[in-house]
Protein backbone atom coordinates (compact mmCIF):
# COMPACT_ATOMS: atom_id res chain seq x y z
CA UNK A 1 -61.93 -16.93 1.27
CA UNK A 2 -63.54 -13.99 1.54
CA UNK A 3 -65.92 -13.22 4.35
CA UNK A 4 -65.89 -16.33 6.93
CA UNK A 5 -67.41 -14.77 9.62
CA UNK A 6 -70.45 -13.55 7.08
CA UNK A 7 -70.90 -17.45 5.58
CA UNK A 8 -71.38 -18.63 9.39
CA UNK A 9 -74.36 -19.55 11.22
CA UNK A 10 -73.48 -20.21 15.12
CA UNK A 11 -76.37 -23.29 15.70
CA UNK A 12 -74.93 -23.28 19.26
CA UNK A 13 -71.54 -21.39 21.11
CA UNK A 14 -70.07 -25.27 20.15
CA UNK A 15 -71.32 -25.68 16.70
CA UNK A 16 -71.44 -23.43 13.53
CA UNK A 17 -72.10 -24.46 9.89
CA UNK A 18 -70.47 -22.81 6.89
CA UNK A 19 -72.31 -22.77 3.55
CA UNK A 20 -70.62 -20.14 0.67
CA UNK A 21 -72.87 -19.74 -2.54
CA UNK A 22 -70.26 -22.68 -4.10
CA UNK A 23 -71.29 -25.36 -1.90
CA UNK A 24 -73.84 -28.08 -2.37
CA UNK A 25 -74.38 -29.08 1.57
CA UNK A 26 -73.28 -26.97 4.63
CA UNK A 27 -69.36 -27.87 6.21
CA UNK A 28 -70.85 -28.64 10.17
CA UNK A 29 -67.92 -27.54 12.39
CA UNK A 30 -68.28 -29.28 16.08
CA UNK A 31 -66.35 -26.61 18.39
CA UNK A 32 -66.63 -23.48 19.63
CA UNK A 33 -65.52 -20.15 18.22
CA UNK A 34 -62.07 -19.49 19.60
CA UNK A 35 -61.13 -23.35 18.24
CA UNK A 36 -62.68 -22.50 14.63
CA UNK A 37 -59.04 -22.93 12.01
CA UNK A 38 -57.13 -21.20 9.90
CA UNK A 39 -58.80 -19.83 6.45
CA UNK A 40 -56.95 -22.67 4.54
CA UNK A 41 -59.00 -25.28 6.21
CA UNK A 42 -61.92 -23.60 5.73
CA UNK A 43 -61.31 -23.08 2.00
CA UNK A 44 -60.82 -27.07 1.93
CA UNK A 45 -63.99 -27.55 3.73
CA UNK A 46 -65.79 -25.03 0.95
CA UNK A 47 -63.93 -27.18 -1.90
CA UNK A 48 -65.49 -30.43 -0.94
CA UNK A 49 -68.68 -29.34 -0.09
CA UNK A 50 -69.04 -28.02 -3.70
CA UNK A 51 -68.89 -31.13 -5.16
CA UNK A 52 -72.58 -31.91 -6.93
CA UNK A 53 -74.59 -34.78 -6.25
CA UNK A 54 -72.00 -36.56 -4.68
CA UNK A 55 -72.52 -35.81 -0.24
CA UNK A 56 -74.82 -36.25 1.49
CA UNK A 57 -76.71 -34.03 4.23
CA UNK A 58 -73.87 -32.19 5.59
CA UNK A 59 -69.67 -32.35 5.88
CA UNK A 60 -68.33 -32.50 9.66
CA UNK A 61 -65.24 -30.90 10.76
CA UNK A 62 -64.53 -31.84 14.64
CA UNK A 63 -62.47 -29.25 16.96
CA UNK A 64 -59.22 -31.02 15.65
CA UNK A 65 -59.76 -30.37 12.22
CA UNK A 66 -56.67 -28.72 9.93
CA UNK A 67 -55.25 -29.04 6.69
CA UNK A 68 -52.22 -31.49 6.05
CA UNK A 69 -49.91 -30.91 2.74
CA UNK A 70 -50.62 -33.13 0.00
CA UNK A 71 -54.08 -33.69 0.84
CA UNK A 72 -57.54 -32.45 -0.64
CA UNK A 73 -59.45 -32.82 2.60
CA UNK A 74 -58.51 -31.67 6.02
CA UNK A 75 -57.92 -33.87 8.56
CA UNK A 76 -60.45 -34.45 11.38
CA UNK A 77 -63.31 -34.73 8.96
CA UNK A 78 -66.08 -36.66 8.63
CA UNK A 79 -67.79 -36.93 4.73
CA UNK A 80 -70.53 -38.58 3.87
CA UNK A 81 -72.50 -40.06 0.55
CA UNK A 82 -75.27 -41.79 -0.39
CA UNK A 83 -74.02 -43.36 -3.42
CA UNK A 84 -70.56 -43.10 -3.57
CA UNK A 85 -66.88 -43.84 -2.55
CA UNK A 86 -64.64 -41.13 -2.02
CA UNK A 87 -60.78 -42.38 -1.45
CA UNK A 88 -59.55 -38.59 -1.53
CA UNK A 89 -61.51 -37.58 0.83
CA UNK A 90 -59.66 -39.82 3.32
CA UNK A 91 -55.96 -39.85 4.61
CA UNK A 92 -54.22 -42.58 2.60
CA UNK A 93 -53.59 -44.59 5.96
CA UNK A 94 -56.81 -46.63 5.94
CA UNK A 95 -56.81 -48.24 9.53
CA UNK A 96 -54.40 -45.42 11.27
CA UNK A 97 -55.89 -45.56 14.81
CA UNK A 98 -55.20 -46.24 18.53
CA UNK A 99 -55.71 -49.02 20.92
CA UNK A 100 -56.34 -48.70 24.67
CA UNK A 101 -54.66 -51.56 26.74
CA UNK A 102 -55.23 -51.46 30.66
CA UNK A 103 -52.82 -53.50 32.69
CA UNK A 104 -52.79 -54.72 36.16
CA UNK A 105 -49.28 -52.07 37.55
CA UNK A 106 -49.67 -49.89 39.12
CA UNK A 107 -47.20 -47.31 41.62
CA UNK A 108 -47.07 -50.02 44.00
CA UNK A 109 -45.84 -52.52 41.87
CA UNK A 110 -43.38 -50.58 39.65
CA UNK A 111 -40.99 -48.06 40.34
CA UNK A 112 -40.09 -45.23 38.29
CA UNK A 113 -36.29 -47.23 37.81
CA UNK A 114 -38.04 -50.29 36.38
CA UNK A 115 -40.32 -48.32 33.65
CA UNK A 116 -36.93 -46.49 32.44
CA UNK A 117 -35.71 -49.95 32.11
CA UNK A 118 -38.77 -51.14 30.04
CA UNK A 119 -38.52 -48.08 27.90
CA UNK A 120 -35.22 -48.13 27.27
CA UNK A 121 -35.63 -51.35 25.86
CA UNK A 122 -39.23 -51.00 24.28
CA UNK A 123 -36.92 -48.36 21.99
CA UNK A 124 -35.79 -51.13 20.45
CA UNK A 125 -38.61 -53.88 20.84
CA UNK A 126 -41.37 -51.56 19.20
CA UNK A 127 -38.69 -49.43 16.64
CA UNK A 128 -40.42 -46.35 15.08
CA UNK A 129 -37.97 -46.27 12.18
CA UNK A 130 -36.56 -49.66 11.36
CA UNK A 131 -37.03 -51.82 7.95
CA UNK A 132 -37.44 -55.01 9.69
CA UNK A 133 -39.78 -55.35 12.48
CA UNK A 134 -41.65 -58.77 13.84
CA UNK A 135 -40.76 -61.34 10.68
CA UNK A 136 -43.75 -63.54 9.70
CA UNK A 137 -44.50 -65.64 6.86
CA UNK A 138 -46.10 -64.56 3.18
CA UNK A 139 -49.13 -66.77 4.40
CA UNK A 140 -49.51 -65.18 7.96
CA UNK A 141 -49.79 -61.81 6.10
CA UNK A 142 -52.62 -63.51 3.70
CA UNK A 143 -54.03 -64.73 6.02
CA UNK A 144 -54.07 -61.27 8.05
CA UNK A 145 -55.64 -59.76 5.14
CA UNK A 146 -58.50 -62.10 4.73
CA UNK A 147 -59.01 -63.29 8.15
CA UNK A 148 -57.99 -60.51 10.17
CA UNK A 149 -56.53 -60.09 13.48
CA UNK A 150 -57.32 -63.92 15.06
CA UNK A 151 -54.39 -65.25 12.10
CA UNK A 152 -51.75 -63.35 14.35
CA UNK A 153 -53.02 -64.53 17.46
CA UNK A 154 -53.11 -67.85 16.48
CA UNK A 155 -49.38 -67.38 15.07
CA UNK A 156 -47.69 -65.78 17.94
CA UNK A 157 -49.62 -66.72 20.50
CA UNK A 158 -50.72 -63.62 21.38
CA UNK A 159 -52.35 -63.46 24.83
CA UNK A 160 -54.11 -60.04 25.28
CA UNK A 161 -57.85 -60.24 27.32
CA UNK A 162 -60.83 -59.37 24.62
CA UNK A 163 -57.97 -58.85 21.76
CA UNK A 164 -60.92 -59.50 19.69
CA UNK A 165 -64.00 -58.70 21.55
CA UNK A 166 -63.00 -55.38 22.11
CA UNK A 167 -61.69 -54.43 18.89
CA UNK A 168 -63.80 -52.83 16.47
CA UNK A 169 -65.42 -55.31 13.83
CA UNK A 170 -63.84 -58.29 15.72
CA UNK A 171 -60.37 -57.10 13.91
CA UNK A 172 -61.56 -58.77 10.44
CA UNK A 173 -63.07 -55.50 8.48
CA UNK A 174 -64.44 -58.09 6.29
CA UNK A 175 -66.83 -59.15 8.32
CA UNK A 176 -66.06 -63.09 7.26
CA UNK A 177 -63.46 -64.90 5.86
CA UNK A 178 -62.09 -64.03 2.79
CA UNK A 179 -60.21 -66.31 0.17
CA UNK A 180 -56.78 -65.97 -0.88
CA UNK A 181 -57.79 -64.95 -4.30
CA UNK A 182 -59.93 -62.38 -2.61
CA UNK A 183 -57.13 -61.05 -1.47
CA UNK A 184 -54.76 -61.33 -4.41
CA UNK A 185 -57.31 -59.47 -6.72
CA UNK A 186 -56.89 -56.29 -4.50
CA UNK A 187 -53.74 -55.57 -3.71
CA UNK A 188 -50.32 -56.75 -5.74
CA UNK A 189 -48.65 -59.39 -4.14
CA UNK A 190 -45.20 -57.74 -4.01
CA UNK A 191 -47.01 -55.38 -1.10
CA UNK A 192 -47.51 -58.19 1.10
CA UNK A 193 -44.15 -59.49 0.87
CA UNK A 194 -42.88 -56.27 2.15
CA UNK A 195 -45.21 -56.72 4.63
CA UNK A 196 -44.08 -59.80 6.32
CA UNK A 197 -41.02 -57.60 8.15
CA UNK A 198 -43.31 -54.76 8.83
CA UNK A 199 -45.68 -56.14 11.85
CA UNK A 200 -44.50 -54.72 15.32
CA UNK A 201 -43.42 -51.22 14.01
CA UNK A 202 -44.75 -47.61 15.72
CA UNK A 203 -43.90 -46.05 12.32
CA UNK A 204 -42.54 -43.15 12.20
CA UNK A 205 -44.76 -40.97 10.19
CA UNK A 206 -46.54 -37.68 12.26
CA UNK A 207 -47.22 -38.50 15.81
CA UNK A 208 -47.20 -41.90 15.65
CA UNK A 209 -46.57 -42.54 19.64
CA UNK A 210 -46.64 -45.58 22.17
CA UNK A 211 -47.70 -44.36 25.83
CA UNK A 212 -47.75 -45.04 28.83
CA UNK A 213 -50.31 -43.23 30.98
CA UNK A 214 -51.80 -43.55 34.57
CA UNK A 215 -55.38 -43.10 35.68
CA UNK A 216 -55.16 -39.95 37.33
CA UNK A 217 -58.93 -38.88 38.41
CA UNK A 218 -62.36 -41.29 37.64
CA UNK A 219 -64.75 -38.78 36.02
CA UNK A 220 -67.62 -41.21 35.78
CA UNK A 221 -67.47 -44.42 38.61
CA UNK A 222 -70.12 -46.53 37.10
CA UNK A 223 -68.86 -46.68 33.67
CA UNK A 224 -65.07 -46.59 34.91
CA UNK A 225 -66.09 -49.74 36.84
CA UNK A 226 -67.52 -52.29 33.87
CA UNK A 227 -63.91 -50.91 32.26
CA UNK A 228 -62.11 -52.26 34.70
CA UNK A 229 -60.38 -48.44 35.36
CA UNK A 230 -59.01 -47.68 38.94
CA UNK A 231 -57.37 -44.98 39.98
CA UNK A 232 -53.55 -44.80 40.07
CA UNK A 233 -53.47 -47.71 37.67
CA UNK A 234 -50.91 -47.56 34.18
CA UNK A 235 -52.52 -48.27 31.04
CA UNK A 236 -50.85 -48.24 27.46
CA UNK A 237 -51.54 -46.45 24.56
CA UNK A 238 -50.61 -46.91 20.89
CA UNK A 239 -51.29 -45.04 17.84
CA UNK A 240 -50.02 -46.50 14.81
CA UNK A 241 -51.21 -46.53 11.06
CA UNK A 242 -51.17 -49.90 8.57
CA UNK A 243 -47.23 -49.36 7.20
CA UNK A 244 -45.99 -50.03 3.77
CA UNK A 245 -48.78 -52.12 2.89
CA UNK A 246 -52.12 -49.76 4.02
CA UNK A 247 -50.14 -46.71 2.43
CA UNK A 248 -48.75 -48.42 -1.05
CA UNK A 249 -52.26 -50.32 -1.51
CA UNK A 250 -53.97 -47.05 -1.02
CA UNK A 251 -51.67 -44.82 -3.54
CA UNK A 252 -52.51 -48.24 -5.73
CA UNK A 253 -55.90 -47.39 -5.51
CA UNK A 254 -56.84 -43.47 -5.71
CA UNK A 255 -55.09 -40.19 -7.26
CA UNK A 256 -53.03 -38.75 -4.97
CA UNK A 257 -49.56 -38.22 -6.12
CA UNK A 258 -47.16 -40.45 -3.70
CA UNK A 259 -44.93 -38.25 -1.27
CA UNK A 260 -41.83 -40.26 -1.06
CA UNK A 261 -39.81 -41.44 -4.27
CA UNK A 262 -39.43 -44.72 -2.57
CA UNK A 263 -43.80 -44.74 -2.30
CA UNK A 264 -43.61 -43.77 -6.14
CA UNK A 265 -41.07 -46.37 -6.93
CA UNK A 266 -42.48 -49.33 -5.34
CA UNK A 267 -46.68 -48.40 -6.21
CA UNK A 268 -44.84 -48.50 -9.76
CA UNK A 269 -43.60 -51.90 -9.46
CA UNK A 270 -46.69 -53.01 -7.51
CA UNK A 271 -48.95 -51.86 -10.31
CA UNK A 272 -46.45 -53.54 -12.92
CA UNK A 273 -46.36 -57.05 -11.30
CA UNK A 274 -50.44 -56.77 -9.91
CA UNK A 275 -52.14 -59.94 -11.98
CA UNK A 276 -55.71 -59.26 -10.49
CA UNK A 277 -58.17 -61.63 -12.07
CA UNK A 278 -60.89 -58.51 -12.05
CA UNK A 279 -58.26 -56.96 -15.03
CA UNK A 280 -61.29 -55.08 -16.52
CA UNK A 281 -62.42 -53.45 -13.21
CA UNK A 282 -58.92 -52.66 -12.16
CA UNK A 283 -58.52 -51.07 -15.91
CA UNK A 284 -61.14 -48.76 -15.41
CA UNK A 285 -60.52 -47.55 -12.31
CA UNK A 286 -56.88 -46.77 -13.66
CA UNK A 287 -58.37 -44.64 -16.22
CA UNK A 288 -60.16 -42.78 -14.06
CA UNK A 289 -57.55 -42.22 -11.48
CA UNK A 290 -55.05 -40.92 -14.34
CA UNK A 291 -57.98 -38.53 -15.50
CA UNK A 292 -57.83 -36.77 -11.69
CA UNK A 293 -54.05 -36.79 -11.65
CA UNK A 294 -54.42 -34.49 -14.51
CA UNK A 295 -57.15 -33.32 -15.54
CA UNK A 296 -60.17 -33.49 -13.53
CA UNK A 297 -60.35 -31.65 -10.83
CA UNK A 298 -63.80 -33.32 -8.78
CA UNK A 299 -63.45 -35.41 -6.05
CA UNK A 300 -62.71 -39.26 -7.03
CA UNK A 301 -65.89 -41.45 -6.84
CA UNK A 302 -66.43 -45.16 -6.97
CA UNK A 303 -69.94 -46.68 -7.20
CA UNK A 304 -70.92 -47.61 -3.79
CA UNK A 305 -72.49 -50.97 -5.22
CA UNK A 306 -70.23 -51.46 -8.38
CA UNK A 307 -67.13 -53.55 -8.97
CA UNK A 308 -64.59 -50.57 -9.03
CA UNK A 309 -66.17 -49.89 -4.88
CA UNK A 310 -65.93 -53.57 -3.89
CA UNK A 311 -61.78 -53.47 -5.76
CA UNK A 312 -61.44 -50.49 -3.15
CA UNK A 313 -63.40 -51.43 -0.39
CA UNK A 314 -61.97 -55.21 -0.35
CA UNK A 315 -58.19 -53.62 -0.59
CA UNK A 316 -58.90 -51.31 1.98
CA UNK A 317 -60.65 -54.10 4.17
CA UNK A 318 -57.22 -56.06 3.88
CA UNK A 319 -54.99 -53.16 4.60
CA UNK A 320 -56.79 -52.53 7.70
CA UNK A 321 -56.90 -55.55 8.93
CA UNK A 322 -52.91 -55.70 8.90
CA UNK A 323 -52.85 -52.19 11.05
CA UNK A 324 -55.13 -53.42 13.69
CA UNK A 325 -52.81 -56.84 13.91
CA UNK A 326 -49.64 -54.39 13.85
CA UNK A 327 -51.47 -52.86 16.96
CA UNK A 328 -51.93 -56.25 18.61
CA UNK A 329 -48.17 -57.71 17.86
CA UNK A 330 -46.66 -54.46 19.57
CA UNK A 331 -48.79 -55.38 22.77
CA UNK A 332 -48.00 -58.88 22.31
CA UNK A 333 -43.77 -57.80 22.24
CA UNK A 334 -44.64 -55.27 24.80
CA UNK A 335 -45.79 -57.78 27.13
CA UNK A 336 -43.10 -60.26 26.81
CA UNK A 337 -40.80 -57.33 27.43
CA UNK A 338 -42.37 -56.61 31.04
CA UNK A 339 -42.39 -59.96 31.84
CA UNK A 340 -38.15 -59.82 30.98
CA UNK A 341 -37.53 -56.88 32.64
CA UNK A 342 -40.23 -57.42 35.89
CA UNK A 343 -39.73 -61.10 35.83
CA UNK A 344 -43.00 -61.95 36.05
CA UNK A 345 -46.30 -62.12 33.51
CA UNK A 346 -47.82 -58.46 33.33
CA UNK A 347 -51.78 -58.56 32.41
CA UNK A 348 -52.95 -57.36 29.24
CA UNK A 349 -56.59 -56.53 28.65
CA UNK A 350 -57.62 -54.92 25.51
CA UNK A 351 -60.03 -51.28 26.33
CA UNK A 352 -60.55 -50.92 22.63
CA UNK A 353 -58.90 -50.70 19.81
CA UNK A 354 -60.07 -48.23 17.03
CA UNK A 355 -59.04 -47.01 13.30
CA UNK A 356 -59.40 -43.01 13.14
CA UNK A 357 -58.86 -43.36 9.07
CA UNK A 358 -62.32 -45.39 8.04
CA UNK A 359 -64.80 -45.59 4.99
CA UNK A 360 -67.38 -48.06 6.41
CA UNK A 361 -71.25 -48.22 5.21
CA UNK A 362 -73.89 -47.45 8.08
CA UNK A 363 -77.54 -46.36 8.29
CA UNK A 364 -77.93 -42.30 9.56
CA UNK A 365 -81.32 -40.23 8.96
CA UNK A 366 -82.66 -43.80 7.82
CA UNK A 367 -80.44 -44.26 5.20
CA UNK A 368 -77.73 -46.29 4.34
CA UNK A 369 -74.61 -43.96 3.36
CA UNK A 370 -70.91 -44.58 3.27
CA UNK A 371 -69.23 -42.40 6.13
CA UNK A 372 -65.94 -41.35 5.28
CA UNK A 373 -63.65 -40.46 8.75
CA UNK A 374 -60.33 -39.15 8.26
CA UNK A 375 -58.59 -38.53 11.61
CA UNK A 376 -61.92 -39.06 13.51
CA UNK A 377 -63.10 -41.56 14.96
CA UNK A 378 -66.28 -43.72 15.14
CA UNK A 379 -68.74 -42.34 18.59
CA UNK A 380 -71.47 -45.09 18.57
CA UNK A 381 -73.72 -44.40 21.84
CA UNK A 382 -75.08 -47.38 23.89
CA UNK A 383 -77.99 -48.28 21.06
CA UNK A 384 -75.62 -48.46 18.34
CA UNK A 385 -73.63 -50.93 20.55
CA UNK A 386 -76.51 -53.62 21.04
CA UNK A 387 -74.66 -56.43 20.24
CA UNK A 388 -71.45 -55.75 22.72
CA UNK A 389 -71.89 -57.22 26.25
CA UNK A 390 -70.56 -54.13 28.33
CA UNK A 391 -70.80 -51.37 25.38
CA UNK A 392 -74.17 -51.69 24.74
CA UNK A 393 -74.37 -49.80 28.51
CA UNK A 394 -71.80 -47.81 28.21
CA UNK A 395 -71.24 -46.52 24.69
CA UNK A 396 -68.37 -46.83 22.30
CA UNK A 397 -65.29 -45.83 23.98
CA UNK A 398 -63.26 -42.98 22.77
CA UNK A 399 -59.56 -41.88 23.17
CA UNK A 400 -58.80 -38.42 23.07
CA UNK A 401 -55.17 -37.05 23.48
CA UNK A 402 -53.65 -34.67 22.94
CA UNK A 403 -49.44 -33.74 22.91
CA UNK A 404 -47.23 -36.11 24.72
CA UNK A 405 -47.08 -34.08 27.78
CA UNK A 406 -50.35 -33.72 28.56
CA UNK A 407 -53.61 -35.57 29.98
CA UNK A 408 -55.51 -37.96 27.88
CA UNK A 409 -59.35 -38.40 28.48
CA UNK A 410 -61.28 -41.63 28.25
CA UNK A 411 -64.89 -41.65 26.60
CA UNK A 412 -67.89 -43.42 25.42
CA UNK A 413 -70.05 -42.40 22.57
CA UNK A 414 -73.38 -41.00 23.03
CA UNK A 415 -76.89 -41.37 21.42
CA UNK A 416 -77.19 -37.80 21.23
CA UNK A 417 -74.45 -37.58 18.34
CA UNK A 418 -76.26 -37.92 15.13
CA UNK A 419 -75.50 -34.73 13.64
CA UNK A 420 -72.34 -35.71 13.38
CA UNK A 421 -73.16 -39.15 11.78
CA UNK A 422 -71.68 -40.64 15.76
CA UNK A 423 -67.89 -39.21 14.80
CA UNK A 424 -65.55 -37.88 17.79
CA UNK A 425 -62.19 -35.97 17.43
CA UNK A 426 -59.06 -37.95 17.56
CA UNK A 427 -57.19 -35.81 19.51
CA UNK A 428 -56.86 -31.75 20.09
CA UNK A 429 -55.18 -30.63 16.59
CA UNK A 430 -52.94 -28.13 15.50
CA UNK A 431 -52.71 -25.24 17.18
CA UNK A 432 -51.44 -22.05 19.20
CA UNK A 433 -51.55 -22.96 22.63
CA UNK A 434 -51.55 -19.08 24.07
CA UNK A 435 -50.79 -20.34 28.15
CA UNK A 436 -47.59 -21.84 26.70
CA UNK A 437 -44.50 -20.71 25.33
CA UNK A 438 -43.37 -22.77 22.20
CA UNK A 439 -40.73 -24.83 22.29
CA UNK A 440 -37.85 -23.92 19.67
CA UNK A 441 -35.40 -27.29 20.21
CA UNK A 442 -35.04 -30.83 21.52
CA UNK A 443 -32.83 -29.45 24.29
CA UNK A 444 -36.19 -27.24 25.44
CA UNK A 445 -38.54 -29.96 24.46
CA UNK A 446 -36.41 -32.64 27.37
CA UNK A 447 -36.46 -29.85 29.80
CA UNK A 448 -39.99 -28.94 29.69
CA UNK A 449 -41.29 -33.25 29.66
CA UNK A 450 -39.06 -33.76 32.59
CA UNK A 451 -40.33 -30.84 34.12
CA UNK A 452 -43.92 -32.18 33.44
CA UNK A 453 -42.79 -35.84 35.05
CA UNK A 454 -42.71 -37.50 31.57
CA UNK A 455 -39.98 -39.25 30.32
CA UNK A 456 -39.55 -39.25 26.10
CA UNK A 457 -37.40 -42.40 24.52
CA UNK A 458 -36.24 -42.50 21.08
CA UNK A 459 -37.31 -38.58 19.94
CA UNK A 460 -34.85 -39.16 16.89
CA UNK A 461 -36.70 -36.79 14.63
CA UNK A 462 -35.65 -32.93 14.20
CA UNK A 463 -39.65 -32.84 14.32
CA UNK A 464 -40.58 -34.35 17.27
CA UNK A 465 -40.52 -30.75 18.63
CA UNK A 466 -43.67 -30.22 16.48
CA UNK A 467 -45.87 -32.68 19.54
CA UNK A 468 -45.26 -30.01 21.99
CA UNK A 469 -47.82 -29.00 23.77
CA UNK A 470 -47.74 -25.68 23.05
CA UNK A 471 -47.99 -26.31 19.11
CA UNK A 472 -51.37 -28.04 20.16
CA UNK A 473 -55.06 -26.57 21.39
CA UNK A 474 -56.39 -26.68 24.65
CA UNK A 475 -57.41 -30.04 26.09
CA UNK A 476 -59.71 -28.73 28.23
CA UNK A 477 -61.72 -26.31 25.70
CA UNK A 478 -62.13 -29.34 23.06
CA UNK A 479 -63.14 -31.81 25.75
CA UNK A 480 -66.16 -29.20 26.95
CA UNK A 481 -66.97 -28.88 23.42
CA UNK A 482 -67.27 -32.92 23.14
CA UNK A 483 -69.32 -33.03 25.83
CA UNK A 484 -71.61 -30.15 25.31
CA UNK A 485 -72.38 -31.68 22.07
CA UNK A 486 -72.75 -34.83 23.23
CA UNK A 487 -70.05 -36.27 20.66
CA UNK A 488 -68.87 -38.16 23.76
CA UNK A 489 -69.07 -38.48 27.99
CA UNK A 490 -65.95 -38.53 29.58
CA UNK A 491 -65.45 -41.68 32.01
CA UNK A 492 -61.21 -40.74 32.95
CA UNK A 493 -58.61 -38.52 32.79
CA UNK A 494 -54.82 -40.16 32.30
CA UNK A 495 -51.79 -37.96 32.04
CA UNK A 496 -48.75 -39.48 30.28
CA UNK A 497 -45.67 -40.97 32.46
CA UNK A 498 -43.52 -42.38 29.49
CA UNK A 499 -43.59 -41.78 25.54
CA UNK A 500 -42.02 -43.24 22.92
CA UNK A 501 -42.02 -41.36 19.55
CA UNK A 502 -39.32 -40.64 16.17
């Protein structure tokens, strides 16, 4: 793109608009000038915003915005349409998201040696790359898809406090109980048969992780008290996707080339064996997908009020339910392992579980619109959380971690965030941190982590070095902009203690 500077307008020191002659709507970047992305990301922003009669008001980019291979849209964005569902603007893992769980563990009742013993066991209990995790019957997979996390709670006896109350959408993205046929009309049964073996798996994609964190600083004592947070308290943060079920489902219903041969084969088999009673709707969707895969470079659209949009959103909601249930199962398995290691039951209390890849219908600027968050978190202020007993007073919880060896923040959404459609970053994003030397191999990485007092477990992947803090933007700069833009308000600061990552 020529003359990026010429097409950028500074709204505030932490907010910029990009608008070129090609673009139907501006692309708004919620970050300071030194956090603006590389040229490739600006080009993607321009391309997305150039789709005519599709987008509403402006597109949104958070400080962690960055291009990813094979994606039509950049990560760290929120795209809005008043008419259409736009499958291609979202990453291919519905309800990739995070949960934060507080425990009753502190330095006074668990030692460094016990944490080490625990995490050595958790490497197997919470696997990153494994074919079989926590096995459940086919019926339970279907029930999770149609009823949400409650089905996993009932089947496994999950005891996490506030499991449903503090999960976005109550753990069910439909908002009601669906029939089995509703699910079978939207997702090939083959994918659900594979999903029987896939609960409780952290995943090997990107930077999915399990962190034990310690509250190092309380920034807002009043809100921290409402959350039950204290300095020195240990928390667990889990970042996962929706696994095989979510990925295969999305590749079935959108125009995106599978990244791996196994994905392509499974999706092909899924389509061949799919017996939806909505055959005519599905056939038209597939014709539209084929056209966008080969001839049409504009955004694939489904009618927000049409049968194609309904089938797509049903498939998405079912897969998203599985993603939340997966994180619930992971915490359940951790609790069981903690009891074995420590010889006592450890309290698990969910602060919040949120997706950062989602499509939801919301009301903004006095209009019902489709909000597509691709690696951004919803960050409603108190006014939009009126139905929650605590968060109506504080705002919606938002977590902003960075790399595996840097501080993370617990924040809450504010009522001042309308211009971003109440979105927040889900991290800091890739970018050179000039204050640090870049790590080039795993030995250097382990040494650096040890020097910072963080223990890294598993780390079998050769590309785990890409999660080094030197490759991420500075979290303090990101948080400064988050506060300045009214995106979110910081409640507490956490430091990592132990990390499992592939």
